[in-house]
PDB file of N, CA and C in Angstrom:
ATOM      1  N   UNK A   1      10.138 -43.738 -12.618  1.00  0.00           N
ATOM      2  CA  UNK A   1       9.563 -43.299 -13.587  1.00  0.00           C
ATOM      3  C   UNK A   1       7.809 -43.608 -13.334  1.00  0.00           C
ATOM      4  N   UNK A   2       7.804 -44.903 -11.932  1.00  0.00           N
ATOM      5  CA  UNK A   2       6.355 -44.498 -11.242  1.00  0.00           C
ATOM      6  C   UNK A   2       5.871 -43.836 -10.609  1.00  0.00           C
ATOM      7  N   UNK A   3       6.840 -42.925 -10.038  1.00  0.00           N
ATOM      8  CA  UNK A   3       7.208 -42.006  -8.850  1.00  0.00           C
ATOM      9  C   UNK A   3       6.097 -40.222  -9.381  1.00  0.00           C
ATOM     10  N   UNK A   4       6.203 -40.678 -10.661  1.00  0.00           N
ATOM     11  CA  UNK A   4       5.504 -39.307 -11.148  1.00  0.00           C
ATOM     12  C   UNK A   4       5.092 -39.273 -11.852  1.00  0.00           C
ATOM     13  N   UNK A   5       3.995 -40.391 -12.123  1.00  0.00           N
ATOM     14  CA  UNK A   5       2.495 -39.880 -12.106  1.00  0.00           C
ATOM     15  C   UNK A   5       1.696 -40.417 -10.934  1.00  0.00           C
ATOM     16  N   UNK A   6       2.535 -39.730 -10.042  1.00  0.00           N
ATOM     17  CA  UNK A   6       1.438 -38.838  -8.414  1.00  0.00           C
ATOM     18  C   UNK A   6       1.945 -37.581  -8.279  1.00  0.00           C
ATOM     19  N   UNK A   7       3.082 -37.072  -9.374  1.00  0.00           N
ATOM     20  CA  UNK A   7       2.863 -35.521  -9.002  1.00  0.00           C
ATOM     21  C   UNK A   7       2.460 -34.429  -9.223  1.00  0.00           C
ATOM     22  N   UNK A   8       0.897 -35.009 -10.230  1.00  0.00           N
ATOM     23  CA  UNK A   8       0.201 -33.755 -10.277  1.00  0.00           C
ATOM     24  C   UNK A   8      -1.206 -34.443  -9.684  1.00  0.00           C
ATOM     25  N   UNK A   9      -1.543 -35.390  -8.548  1.00  0.00           N
ATOM     26  CA  UNK A   9      -2.713 -35.382  -7.563  1.00  0.00           C
ATOM     27  C   UNK A   9      -1.690 -35.352  -6.310  1.00  0.00           C
ATOM     28  N   UNK A  10      -0.956 -34.932  -6.159  1.00  0.00           N
ATOM     29  CA  UNK A  10      -0.002 -33.978  -5.030  1.00  0.00           C
ATOM     30  C   UNK A  10      -0.235 -32.588  -5.243  1.00  0.00           C
ATOM     31  N   UNK A  11      -0.170 -31.967  -6.392  1.00  0.00           N
ATOM     32  CA  UNK A  11       0.250 -30.852  -6.849  1.00  0.00           C
ATOM     33  C   UNK A  11      -1.803 -30.634  -6.053  1.00  0.00           C
ATOM     34  N   UNK A  12      -2.453 -30.281  -7.354  1.00  0.00           N
ATOM     35  CA  UNK A  12      -3.551 -30.785  -6.673  1.00  0.00           C
ATOM     36  C   UNK A  12      -4.383 -30.868  -5.957  1.00  0.00           C
ATOM     37  N   UNK A  13      -4.201 -31.874  -4.487  1.00  0.00           N
ATOM     38  CA  UNK A  13      -4.078 -32.325  -3.112  1.00  0.00           C
ATOM     39  C   UNK A  13      -3.864 -30.995  -1.917  1.00  0.00           C
ATOM     40  N   UNK A  14      -2.329 -30.432  -2.059  1.00  0.00           N
ATOM     41  CA  UNK A  14      -2.081 -29.410  -1.572  1.00  0.00           C
ATOM     42  C   UNK A  14      -2.578 -28.382  -2.629  1.00  0.00           C
ATOM     43  N   UNK A  15      -2.841 -28.527  -3.306  1.00  0.00           N
ATOM     44  CA  UNK A  15      -3.642 -26.386  -3.434  1.00  0.00           C
ATOM     45  C   UNK A  15      -5.429 -27.118  -3.165  1.00  0.00           C
ATOM     46  N   UNK A  16      -6.135 -27.556  -3.292  1.00  0.00           N
ATOM     47  CA  UNK A  16      -7.318 -27.908  -2.598  1.00  0.00           C
ATOM     48  C   UNK A  16      -6.769 -27.972  -0.909  1.00  0.00           C
ATOM     49  N   UNK A  17      -6.100 -28.342  -0.706  1.00  0.00           N
ATOM     50  CA  UNK A  17      -5.850 -28.117   1.303  1.00  0.00           C
ATOM     51  C   UNK A  17      -5.434 -26.525   1.157  1.00  0.00           C
ATOM     52  N   UNK A  18      -3.929 -26.280   0.646  1.00  0.00           N
ATOM     53  CA  UNK A  18      -4.591 -24.689   0.810  1.00  0.00           C
ATOM     54  C   UNK A  18      -5.652 -23.680   0.461  1.00  0.00           C
ATOM     55  N   UNK A  19      -6.278 -24.136  -0.572  1.00  0.00           N
ATOM     56  CA  UNK A  19      -7.570 -22.833  -0.194  1.00  0.00           C
ATOM     57  C   UNK A  19      -8.638 -23.368   0.349  1.00  0.00           C
ATOM     58  N   UNK A  20      -9.407 -24.848   0.906  1.00  0.00           N
ATOM     59  CA  UNK A  20      -9.804 -24.899   1.849  1.00  0.00           C
ATOM     60  C   UNK A  20      -9.433 -24.565   3.293  1.00  0.00           C
ATOM     61  N   UNK A  21      -8.675 -24.616   3.725  1.00  0.00           N
ATOM     62  CA  UNK A  21      -7.729 -23.647   5.315  1.00  0.00           C
ATOM     63  C   UNK A  21      -7.577 -21.983   4.915  1.00  0.00           C
ATOM     64  N   UNK A  22      -7.586 -21.844   3.773  1.00  0.00           N
ATOM     65  CA  UNK A  22      -7.858 -20.150   3.645  1.00  0.00           C
ATOM     66  C   UNK A  22      -8.811 -19.657   3.665  1.00  0.00           C
ATOM     67  N   UNK A  23     -10.252 -19.882   3.001  1.00  0.00           N
ATOM     68  CA  UNK A  23     -12.035 -20.448   3.136  1.00  0.00           C
ATOM     69  C   UNK A  23     -12.495 -20.811   4.656  1.00  0.00           C
ATOM     70  N   UNK A  24     -11.825 -21.464   5.295  1.00  0.00           N
ATOM     71  CA  UNK A  24     -11.633 -21.902   6.739  1.00  0.00           C
ATOM     72  C   UNK A  24     -11.456 -20.564   7.833  1.00  0.00           C
ATOM     73  N   UNK A  25     -10.451 -19.922   7.011  1.00  0.00           N
ATOM     74  CA  UNK A  25      -9.874 -18.965   7.851  1.00  0.00           C
ATOM     75  C   UNK A  25     -10.833 -17.803   7.561  1.00  0.00           C
ATOM     76  N   UNK A  26     -11.157 -17.599   6.275  1.00  0.00           N
ATOM     77  CA  UNK A  26     -12.084 -16.360   5.961  1.00  0.00           C
ATOM     78  C   UNK A  26     -13.114 -16.563   6.354  1.00  0.00           C
ATOM     79  N   UNK A  27     -13.311 -17.952   6.941  1.00  0.00           N
ATOM     80  CA  UNK A  27     -15.022 -17.913   7.719  1.00  0.00           C
ATOM     81  C   UNK A  27     -15.527 -17.646   8.933  1.00  0.00           C
ATOM     82  N   UNK A  28     -13.726 -17.925   9.320  1.00  0.00           N
ATOM     83  CA  UNK A  28     -13.690 -17.748  10.976  1.00  0.00           C
ATOM     84  C   UNK A  28     -14.271 -16.209  11.131  1.00  0.00           C
ATOM     85  N   UNK A  29     -13.038 -15.783  10.049  1.00  0.00           N
ATOM     86  CA  UNK A  29     -12.836 -14.804   9.975  1.00  0.00           C
ATOM     87  C   UNK A  29     -13.788 -13.270  10.433  1.00  0.00           C
ATOM     88  N   UNK A  30     -15.025 -13.882   9.281  1.00  0.00           N
ATOM     89  CA  UNK A  30     -16.659 -13.581   9.334  1.00  0.00           C
ATOM     90  C   UNK A  30     -18.071 -13.508  10.312  1.00  0.00           C
ATOM     91  N   UNK A  31     -17.052 -14.869  11.134  1.00  0.00           N
ATOM     92  CA  UNK A  31     -18.171 -15.044  12.717  1.00  0.00           C
ATOM     93  C   UNK A  31     -17.240 -14.244  13.532  1.00  0.00           C
ATOM     94  N   UNK A  32     -15.674 -13.829  13.808  1.00  0.00           N
ATOM     95  CA  UNK A  32     -16.013 -13.231  14.632  1.00  0.00           C
ATOM     96  C   UNK A  32     -16.090 -11.519  14.129  1.00  0.00           C
ATOM     97  N   UNK A  33     -16.409 -11.510  12.806  1.00  0.00           N
ATOM     98  CA  UNK A  33     -16.583 -10.173  12.697  1.00  0.00           C
ATOM     99  C   UNK A  33     -17.672  -9.492  13.019  1.00  0.00           C
ATOM    100  N   UNK A  34     -18.836 -10.564  12.672  1.00  0.00           N
ATOM    101  CA  UNK A  34     -20.267 -11.026  12.811  1.00  0.00           C
ATOM    102  C   UNK A  34     -20.696 -10.726  14.298  1.00  0.00           C
ATOM    103  N   UNK A  35     -20.088 -11.062  15.123  1.00  0.00           N
ATOM    104  CA  UNK A  35     -20.224 -11.104  16.752  1.00  0.00           C
ATOM    105  C   UNK A  35     -19.535  -9.927  17.364  1.00  0.00           C
ATOM    106  N   UNK A  36     -18.356  -9.580  16.695  1.00  0.00           N
ATOM    107  CA  UNK A  36     -17.795  -8.480  16.798  1.00  0.00           C
ATOM    108  C   UNK A  36     -18.959  -7.055  17.153  1.00  0.00           C
ATOM    109  N   UNK A  37     -20.032  -6.658  15.745  1.00  0.00           N
ATOM    110  CA  UNK A  37     -20.876  -6.142  14.894  1.00  0.00           C
ATOM    111  C   UNK A  37     -21.955  -6.100  15.793  1.00  0.00           C
ATOM    112  N   UNK A  38     -22.489  -7.697  16.340  1.00  0.00           N
ATOM    113  CA  UNK A  38     -23.664  -7.255  16.950  1.00  0.00           C
ATOM    114  C   UNK A  38     -23.099  -6.982  18.181  1.00  0.00           C
ATOM    115  N   UNK A  39     -22.558  -7.426  18.821  1.00  0.00           N
ATOM    116  CA  UNK A  39     -22.125  -6.736  20.551  1.00  0.00           C
ATOM    117  C   UNK A  39     -22.299  -5.289  20.211  1.00  0.00           C
ATOM    118  N   UNK A  40     -21.374  -4.392  19.282  1.00  0.00           N
ATOM    119  CA  UNK A  40     -21.169  -2.849  19.111  1.00  0.00           C
ATOM    120  C   UNK A  40     -22.788  -2.470  18.995  1.00  0.00           C
ATOM    121  N   UNK A  41     -23.643  -3.240  18.084  1.00  0.00           N
ATOM    122  CA  UNK A  41     -24.757  -2.719  18.651  1.00  0.00           C
ATOM    123  C   UNK A  41     -25.933  -3.048  19.603  1.00  0.00           C
ATOM    124  N   UNK A  42     -24.955  -3.794  20.023  1.00  0.00           N
ATOM    125  CA  UNK A  42     -26.648  -4.746  21.150  1.00  0.00           C
ATOM    126  C   UNK A  42     -26.144  -3.365  22.545  1.00  0.00           C
ATOM    127  N   UNK A  43     -24.829  -2.696  22.163  1.00  0.00           N
ATOM    128  CA  UNK A  43     -24.538  -1.720  23.415  1.00  0.00           C
ATOM    129  C   UNK A  43     -24.581  -0.137  23.007  1.00  0.00           C
ATOM    130  N   UNK A  44     -24.237  -0.013  22.015  1.00  0.00           N
ATOM    131  CA  UNK A  44     -25.161   1.351  21.353  1.00  0.00           C
ATOM    132  C   UNK A  44     -26.875   1.340  21.229  1.00  0.00           C
ATOM    133  N   UNK A  45     -27.180   0.055  20.988  1.00  0.00           N
ATOM    134  CA  UNK A  45     -29.407   0.044  21.568  1.00  0.00           C
ATOM    135  C   UNK A  45     -28.858   0.673  22.696  1.00  0.00           C
ATOM    136  N   UNK A  46     -28.581  -0.151  23.656  1.00  0.00           N
ATOM    137  CA  UNK A  46     -29.000   0.039  25.139  1.00  0.00           C
ATOM    138  C   UNK A  46     -28.540   1.394  25.102  1.00  0.00           C
ATOM    139  N   UNK A  47     -27.378   1.876  24.960  1.00  0.00           N
ATOM    140  CA  UNK A  47     -27.253   3.762  25.505  1.00  0.00           C
ATOM    141  C   UNK A  47     -28.872   4.050  24.391  1.00  0.00           C
ATOM    142  N   UNK A  48     -28.800   4.183  23.444  1.00  0.00           N
ATOM    143  CA  UNK A  48     -29.838   4.323  22.432  1.00  0.00           C
ATOM    144  C   UNK A  48     -31.477   4.248  23.195  1.00  0.00           C
ATOM    145  N   UNK A  49     -31.822   3.997  24.739  1.00  0.00           N
ATOM    146  CA  UNK A  49     -32.852   3.180  24.787  1.00  0.00           C
ATOM    147  C   UNK A  49     -32.828   4.112  26.065  1.00  0.00           C
ATOM    148  N   UNK A  50     -31.863   3.886  26.703  1.00  0.00           N
ATOM    149  CA  UNK A  50     -31.127   4.607  28.141  1.00  0.00           C
ATOM    150  C   UNK A  50     -31.409   6.113  28.048  1.00  0.00           C
ATOM    151  N   UNK A  51     -31.161   6.922  26.367  1.00  0.00           N
ATOM    152  CA  UNK A  51     -30.958   8.446  26.084  1.00  0.00           C
ATOM    153  C   UNK A  51     -32.540   8.850  26.175  1.00  0.00           C
ATOM    154  N   UNK A  52     -33.404   7.809  24.917  1.00  0.00           N
ATOM    155  CA  UNK A  52     -34.713   7.953  25.291  1.00  0.00           C
ATOM    156  C   UNK A  52     -35.621   7.818  26.355  1.00  0.00           C
ATOM    157  N   UNK A  53     -35.499   6.883  26.682  1.00  0.00           N
ATOM    158  CA  UNK A  53     -36.339   7.187  27.937  1.00  0.00           C
ATOM    159  C   UNK A  53     -35.890   8.532  29.205  1.00  0.00           C
ATOM    160  N   UNK A  54     -35.118   8.652  28.554  1.00  0.00           N
ATOM    161  CA  UNK A  54     -35.101  10.256  29.833  1.00  0.00           C
ATOM    162  C   UNK A  54     -34.274  10.136  30.620  1.00  0.00           C
ATOM    163  N   UNK A  55     -33.728   8.645  31.556  1.00  0.00           N
ATOM    164  CA  UNK A  55     -33.310   9.029  32.622  1.00  0.00           C
ATOM    165  C   UNK A  55     -31.485   9.557  32.228  1.00  0.00           C
ATOM    166  N   UNK A  56     -31.196   9.788  33.498  1.00  0.00           N
ATOM    167  CA  UNK A  56     -29.879  10.878  33.886  1.00  0.00           C
ATOM    168  C   UNK A  56     -28.860   9.747  33.502  1.00  0.00           C
ATOM    169  N   UNK A  57     -27.871  10.338  32.353  1.00  0.00           N
ATOM    170  CA  UNK A  57     -27.008   8.975  31.852  1.00  0.00           C
ATOM    171  C   UNK A  57     -25.152  10.238  32.013  1.00  0.00           C
ATOM    172  N   UNK A  58     -24.551   9.954  33.268  1.00  0.00           N
ATOM    173  CA  UNK A  58     -23.375  10.763  33.101  1.00  0.00           C
ATOM    174  C   UNK A  58     -23.220  10.547  31.931  1.00  0.00           C
ATOM    175  N   UNK A  59     -21.648  11.708  32.141  1.00  0.00           N
ATOM    176  CA  UNK A  59     -21.428  11.682  30.615  1.00  0.00           C
ATOM    177  C   UNK A  59     -19.570  10.169  30.577  1.00  0.00           C
ATOM    178  N   UNK A  60     -19.343  10.080  32.086  1.00  0.00           N
ATOM    179  CA  UNK A  60     -18.640   9.012  31.878  1.00  0.00           C
ATOM    180  C   UNK A  60     -19.514   7.792  31.703  1.00  0.00           C
ATOM    181  N   UNK A  61     -20.229   7.662  32.009  1.00  0.00           N
ATOM    182  CA  UNK A  61     -20.990   6.257  31.525  1.00  0.00           C
ATOM    183  C   UNK A  61     -20.911   6.050  29.950  1.00  0.00           C
ATOM    184  N   UNK A  62     -21.428   7.034  28.971  1.00  0.00           N
ATOM    185  CA  UNK A  62     -21.263   6.936  28.050  1.00  0.00           C
ATOM    186  C   UNK A  62     -20.177   7.197  27.170  1.00  0.00           C
ATOM    187  N   UNK A  63     -19.375   7.769  27.755  1.00  0.00           N
ATOM    188  CA  UNK A  63     -18.187   7.946  27.391  1.00  0.00           C
ATOM    189  C   UNK A  63     -17.546   6.150  27.175  1.00  0.00           C
ATOM    190  N   UNK A  64     -17.716   5.807  28.722  1.00  0.00           N
ATOM    191  CA  UNK A  64     -17.887   4.263  28.857  1.00  0.00           C
ATOM    192  C   UNK A  64     -18.326   2.803  27.479  1.00  0.00           C
ATOM    193  N   UNK A  65     -18.881   3.789  27.041  1.00  0.00           N
ATOM    194  CA  UNK A  65     -20.327   2.719  26.159  1.00  0.00           C
ATOM    195  C   UNK A  65     -19.996   3.020  24.810  1.00  0.00           C
ATOM    196  N   UNK A  66     -19.542   4.094  24.749  1.00  0.00           N
ATOM    197  CA  UNK A  66     -18.310   4.048  23.053  1.00  0.00           C
ATOM    198  C   UNK A  66     -17.926   3.804  23.054  1.00  0.00           C
ATOM    199  N   UNK A  67     -16.310   3.680  24.162  1.00  0.00           N
ATOM    200  CA  UNK A  67     -15.045   3.006  23.966  1.00  0.00           C
ATOM    201  C   UNK A  67     -15.850   1.795  23.650  1.00  0.00           C
ATOM    202  N   UNK A  68     -16.182   1.300  24.811  1.00  0.00           N
ATOM    203  CA  UNK A  68     -16.299  -0.530  24.164  1.00  0.00           C
ATOM    204  C   UNK A  68     -17.270  -0.688  22.975  1.00  0.00           C
ATOM    205  N   UNK A  69     -18.026   0.163  22.275  1.00  0.00           N
ATOM    206  CA  UNK A  69     -18.439  -0.063  21.097  1.00  0.00           C
ATOM    207  C   UNK A  69     -17.692   0.418  19.389  1.00  0.00           C
ATOM    208  N   UNK A  70     -16.674   0.986  19.934  1.00  0.00           N
ATOM    209  CA  UNK A  70     -15.404   1.526  19.263  1.00  0.00           C
ATOM    210  C   UNK A  70     -14.555   0.453  18.432  1.00  0.00           C
ATOM    211  N   UNK A  71     -14.850   0.602  17.367  1.00  0.00           N
ATOM    212  CA  UNK A  71     -14.381  -0.097  16.311  1.00  0.00           C
ATOM    213  C   UNK A  71     -12.775  -0.696  16.745  1.00  0.00           C
ATOM    214  N   UNK A  72     -11.898  -1.376  16.820  1.00  0.00           N
ATOM    215  CA  UNK A  72     -10.471  -1.616  17.045  1.00  0.00           C
ATOM    216  C   UNK A  72      -9.514  -1.329  16.202  1.00  0.00           C
ATOM    217  N   UNK A  73      -8.699   0.009  16.589  1.00  0.00           N
ATOM    218  CA  UNK A  73      -7.617   0.235  14.970  1.00  0.00           C
ATOM    219  C   UNK A  73      -8.367   1.341  14.273  1.00  0.00           C
ATOM    220  N   UNK A  74      -9.454   1.712  14.672  1.00  0.00           N
ATOM    221  CA  UNK A  74     -10.024   2.708  14.075  1.00  0.00           C
ATOM    222  C   UNK A  74      -9.741   3.939  13.809  1.00  0.00           C
ATOM    223  N   UNK A  75      -8.690   4.917  14.529  1.00  0.00           N
ATOM    224  CA  UNK A  75      -8.157   5.967  13.972  1.00  0.00           C
ATOM    225  C   UNK A  75      -7.215   5.365  12.756  1.00  0.00           C
ATOM    226  N   UNK A  76      -6.784   4.726  12.937  1.00  0.00           N
ATOM    227  CA  UNK A  76      -5.017   3.970  12.082  1.00  0.00           C
ATOM    228  C   UNK A  76      -6.256   4.684  10.219  1.00  0.00           C
ATOM    229  N   UNK A  77      -4.753   4.791   9.871  1.00  0.00           N
ATOM    230  CA  UNK A  77      -4.759   4.543   8.712  1.00  0.00           C
ATOM    231  C   UNK A  77      -5.373   3.872   8.069  1.00  0.00           C
ATOM    232  N   UNK A  78      -5.773   3.580   6.802  1.00  0.00           N
ATOM    233  CA  UNK A  78      -6.585   2.056   5.893  1.00  0.00           C
ATOM    234  C   UNK A  78      -4.743   1.792   5.751  1.00  0.00           C
ATOM    235  N   UNK A  79      -5.204   0.568   5.358  1.00  0.00           N
ATOM    236  CA  UNK A  79      -4.393  -0.644   5.045  1.00  0.00           C
ATOM    237  C   UNK A  79      -4.027  -0.500   3.921  1.00  0.00           C
ATOM    238  N   UNK A  80      -1.949  -0.763   3.499  1.00  0.00           N
ATOM    239  CA  UNK A  80      -2.329  -0.422   2.524  1.00  0.00           C
ATOM    240  C   UNK A  80      -2.578  -1.331   1.472  1.00  0.00           C
ATOM    241  N   UNK A  81      -2.186  -0.914   0.108  1.00  0.00           N
ATOM    242  CA  UNK A  81      -3.093  -1.634  -1.319  1.00  0.00           C
ATOM    243  C   UNK A  81      -2.408  -3.202  -0.855  1.00  0.00           C
ATOM    244  N   UNK A  82      -1.294  -2.723  -0.896  1.00  0.00           N
ATOM    245  CA  UNK A  82       0.016  -4.348  -0.808  1.00  0.00           C
ATOM    246  C   UNK A  82      -0.288  -5.202  -0.158  1.00  0.00           C
ATOM    247  N   UNK A  83      -0.885  -4.937   1.436  1.00  0.00           N
ATOM    248  CA  UNK A  83      -1.134  -5.830   2.078  1.00  0.00           C
ATOM    249  C   UNK A  83      -2.371  -6.410   1.833  1.00  0.00           C
ATOM    250  N   UNK A  84      -3.732  -5.861   1.489  1.00  0.00           N
ATOM    251  CA  UNK A  84      -4.335  -6.219   1.315  1.00  0.00           C
ATOM    252  C   UNK A  84      -5.156  -8.029   0.518  1.00  0.00           C
ATOM    253  N   UNK A  85      -3.809  -7.401  -1.169  1.00  0.00           N
ATOM    254  CA  UNK A  85      -3.547  -8.613  -2.530  1.00  0.00           C
ATOM    255  C   UNK A  85      -2.944  -9.972  -1.955  1.00  0.00           C
ATOM    256  N   UNK A  86      -3.743 -11.173  -1.919  1.00  0.00           N
ATOM    257  CA  UNK A  86      -2.734 -12.023  -1.909  1.00  0.00           C
ATOM    258  C   UNK A  86      -2.599 -12.104  -2.921  1.00  0.00           C
ATOM    259  N   UNK A  87      -1.735 -13.104  -3.893  1.00  0.00           N
ATOM    260  CA  UNK A  87      -1.797 -13.495  -4.456  1.00  0.00           C
ATOM    261  C   UNK A  87      -0.882 -15.492  -4.302  1.00  0.00           C
ATOM    262  N   UNK A  88      -1.334 -15.895  -5.937  1.00  0.00           N
ATOM    263  CA  UNK A  88      -0.895 -17.324  -5.718  1.00  0.00           C
ATOM    264  C   UNK A  88       0.536 -18.319  -4.946  1.00  0.00           C
ATOM    265  N   UNK A  89       1.199 -16.987  -4.775  1.00  0.00           N
ATOM    266  CA  UNK A  89       2.571 -17.269  -4.089  1.00  0.00           C
ATOM    267  C   UNK A  89       2.398 -17.534  -3.020  1.00  0.00           C
ATOM    268  N   UNK A  90       1.506 -16.461  -2.601  1.00  0.00           N
ATOM    269  CA  UNK A  90       1.108 -16.087  -1.059  1.00  0.00           C
ATOM    270  C   UNK A  90       0.326 -16.777  -0.212  1.00  0.00           C
ATOM    271  N   UNK A  91      -0.182 -17.507  -0.828  1.00  0.00           N
ATOM    272  CA  UNK A  91      -1.209 -18.847  -0.752  1.00  0.00           C
ATOM    273  C   UNK A  91      -0.285 -20.436   0.073  1.00  0.00           C
ATOM    274  N   UNK A  92       0.535 -19.913  -1.786  1.00  0.00           N
ATOM    275  CA  UNK A  92       1.044 -21.560  -1.706  1.00  0.00           C
ATOM    276  C   UNK A  92       2.545 -21.348  -0.722  1.00  0.00           C
ATOM    277  N   UNK A  93       3.140 -20.502  -0.947  1.00  0.00           N
ATOM    278  CA  UNK A  93       4.995 -20.315  -0.270  1.00  0.00           C
ATOM    279  C   UNK A  93       4.153 -19.610   1.278  1.00  0.00           C
ATOM    280  N   UNK A  94       3.440 -18.817   1.109  1.00  0.00           N
ATOM    281  CA  UNK A  94       3.120 -17.687   2.600  1.00  0.00           C
ATOM    282  C   UNK A  94       3.794 -16.895   2.189  1.00  0.00           C
ATOM    283  N   UNK A  95       3.827 -15.727   2.903  1.00  0.00           N
ATOM    284  CA  UNK A  95       3.818 -14.496   3.038  1.00  0.00           C
ATOM    285  C   UNK A  95       4.759 -14.335   4.059  1.00  0.00           C
ATOM    286  N   UNK A  96       5.899 -12.907   3.410  1.00  0.00           N
ATOM    287  CA  UNK A  96       7.213 -12.716   4.505  1.00  0.00           C
ATOM    288  C   UNK A  96       6.916 -11.655   6.119  1.00  0.00           C
ATOM    289  N   UNK A  97       7.275 -11.788   6.417  1.00  0.00           N
ATOM    290  CA  UNK A  97       6.944 -10.625   7.452  1.00  0.00           C
ATOM    291  C   UNK A  97       7.357 -10.269   7.446  1.00  0.00           C
ATOM    292  N   UNK A  98       7.056  -8.862   8.174  1.00  0.00           N
ATOM    293  CA  UNK A  98       8.772  -7.256   8.268  1.00  0.00           C
ATOM    294  C   UNK A  98       9.888  -8.493   9.280  1.00  0.00           C
ATOM    295  N   UNK A  99       9.247  -8.856  10.736  1.00  0.00           N
ATOM    296  CA  UNK A  99       9.815  -9.306  11.445  1.00  0.00           C
ATOM    297  C   UNK A  99      11.243 -10.579  10.663  1.00  0.00           C
ATOM    298  N   UNK A 100      10.904 -11.191  10.013  1.00  0.00           N
ATOM    299  CA  UNK A 100      11.020 -12.122   8.770  1.00  0.00           C
ATOM    300  C   UNK A 100      12.282 -11.598   8.122  1.00  0.00           C
ATOM    301  N   UNK A 101      11.904 -10.058   7.400  1.00  0.00           N
ATOM    302  CA  UNK A 101      12.573  -9.599   6.604  1.00  0.00           C
ATOM    303  C   UNK A 101      13.987  -8.465   7.355  1.00  0.00           C
ATOM    304  N   UNK A 102      12.857  -8.617   8.578  1.00  0.00           N
ATOM    305  CA  UNK A 102      14.490  -8.073   9.998  1.00  0.00           C
ATOM    306  C   UNK A 102      15.529  -9.131   9.986  1.00  0.00           C
ATOM    307  N   UNK A 103      14.968  -9.926  10.530  1.00  0.00           N
ATOM    308  CA  UNK A 103      16.296 -11.387  10.958  1.00  0.00           C
ATOM    309  C   UNK A 103      16.695 -11.798   9.290  1.00  0.00           C
ATOM    310  N   UNK A 104      16.728 -11.731   8.508  1.00  0.00           N
ATOM    311  CA  UNK A 104      18.026 -11.698   7.219  1.00  0.00           C
ATOM    312  C   UNK A 104      18.774 -10.965   7.521  1.00  0.00           C
ATOM    313  N   UNK A 105      18.473  -9.216   7.501  1.00  0.00           N
ATOM    314  CA  UNK A 105      18.779  -8.749   7.029  1.00  0.00           C
ATOM    315  C   UNK A 105      19.843  -8.679   8.093  1.00  0.00           C
ATOM    316  N   UNK A 106      19.695  -9.420   9.534  1.00  0.00           N
ATOM    317  CA  UNK A 106      20.647  -9.076  11.002  1.00  0.00           C
ATOM    318  C   UNK A 106      21.106  -9.689   9.852  1.00  0.00           C
ATOM    319  N   UNK A 107      20.997 -11.243   9.586  1.00  0.00           N
ATOM    320  CA  UNK A 107      22.232 -12.503   9.577  1.00  0.00           C
ATOM    321  C   UNK A 107      22.756 -11.662   7.965  1.00  0.00           C
ATOM    322  N   UNK A 108      22.258 -11.249   6.989  1.00  0.00           N
ATOM    323  CA  UNK A 108      23.428 -10.900   5.928  1.00  0.00           C
ATOM    324  C   UNK A 108      24.777  -9.848   5.932  1.00  0.00           C
ATOM    325  N   UNK A 109      23.892  -8.896   7.485  1.00  0.00           N
ATOM    326  CA  UNK A 109      25.007  -7.867   8.721  1.00  0.00           C
ATOM    327  C   UNK A 109      25.885  -8.306   8.659  1.00  0.00           C
ATOM    328  N   UNK A 110      25.971  -9.626   9.330  1.00  0.00           N
ATOM    329  CA  UNK A 110      26.804 -10.875  10.223  1.00  0.00           C
ATOM    330  C   UNK A 110      27.903 -10.877   9.718  1.00  0.00           C
ATOM    331  N   UNK A 111      26.853 -11.646   8.393  1.00  0.00           N
ATOM    332  CA  UNK A 111      28.216 -12.422   7.433  1.00  0.00           C
ATOM    333  C   UNK A 111      28.886 -11.595   6.468  1.00  0.00           C
ATOM    334  N   UNK A 112      28.687 -10.225   6.014  1.00  0.00           N
ATOM    335  CA  UNK A 112      28.859  -9.385   5.454  1.00  0.00           C
ATOM    336  C   UNK A 112      30.359  -8.740   6.237  1.00  0.00           C
ATOM    337  N   UNK A 113      29.823  -8.903   7.761  1.00  0.00           N
ATOM    338  CA  UNK A 113      30.812  -8.433   8.846  1.00  0.00           C
ATOM    339  C   UNK A 113      31.824  -9.881   8.745  1.00  0.00           C
ATOM    340  N   UNK A 114      31.917 -10.474   8.912  1.00  0.00           N
ATOM    341  CA  UNK A 114      32.926 -11.578   9.107  1.00  0.00           C
ATOM    342  C   UNK A 114      33.227 -11.686   7.973  1.00  0.00           C
ATOM    343  N   UNK A 115      32.670 -12.038   6.863  1.00  0.00           N
ATOM    344  CA  UNK A 115      33.812 -11.601   5.898  1.00  0.00           C
ATOM    345  C   UNK A 115      34.526 -10.403   5.134  1.00  0.00           C
ATOM    346  N   UNK A 116      34.383  -9.681   5.488  1.00  0.00           N
ATOM    347  CA  UNK A 116      35.338  -8.371   6.292  1.00  0.00           C
ATOM    348  C   UNK A 116      35.914  -8.241   6.871  1.00  0.00           C
ATOM    349  N   UNK A 117      36.234  -8.798   7.959  1.00  0.00           N
ATOM    350  CA  UNK A 117      36.924  -8.353   8.880  1.00  0.00           C
ATOM    351  C   UNK A 117      38.316  -9.602   8.703  1.00  0.00           C
ATOM    352  N   UNK A 118      38.084 -11.039   7.558  1.00  0.00           N
ATOM    353  CA  UNK A 118      38.046 -11.856   7.028  1.00  0.00           C
ATOM    354  C   UNK A 118      39.070 -11.498   6.207  1.00  0.00           C
ATOM    355  N   UNK A 119      38.406 -10.422   4.954  1.00  0.00           N
ATOM    356  CA  UNK A 119      39.367  -9.995   4.537  1.00  0.00           C
ATOM    357  C   UNK A 119      40.425  -8.713   5.150  1.00  0.00           C
ATOM    358  N   UNK A 120      39.871  -8.177   5.764  1.00  0.00           N
ATOM    359  CA  UNK A 120      41.036  -7.369   6.092  1.00  0.00           C
ATOM    360  C   UNK A 120      42.366  -8.403   7.356  1.00  0.00           C
ATOM    361  N   UNK A 121      42.237  -9.452   8.106  1.00  0.00           N
ATOM    362  CA  UNK A 121      42.943 -10.906   7.957  1.00  0.00           C
ATOM    363  C   UNK A 121      43.905 -11.131   7.148  1.00  0.00           C
ATOM    364  N   UNK A 122      43.228 -11.427   6.294  1.00  0.00           N
ATOM    365  CA  UNK A 122      44.670 -11.498   5.117  1.00  0.00           C
ATOM    366  C   UNK A 122      45.463  -9.990   4.476  1.00  0.00           C
ATOM    367  N   UNK A 123      45.439  -9.542   5.001  1.00  0.00           N
ATOM    368  CA  UNK A 123      45.919  -7.793   4.676  1.00  0.00           C
ATOM    369  C   UNK A 123      46.976  -8.228   5.137  1.00  0.00           C
TER     370      UNK A 123
END
């Protein structure tokens, strides 16, 4: 009986810890994005200054600068709405990745094969 009085505190502390870890991850992601965009802007500003000054720049240098400034995954299709939504169950229990689902499907397939073999052996 005495242990049940601590259950709400355990739940609250777990929730607060989960939320704080999520916010920390969001802050680090924002910092990385900010640094990447700052670097891209710097590269493009240097290219603009070189072009405005009238210096001769080869197409190869322009291509290199544009590739450095390009956002990774720019050519890919946008993320699905399902993947960007994070529910409370995902926050508390985590999200299954396609790799995890593939592993469980493999185990299920092996179990079904084993059951089928045992069933055929009984006949």
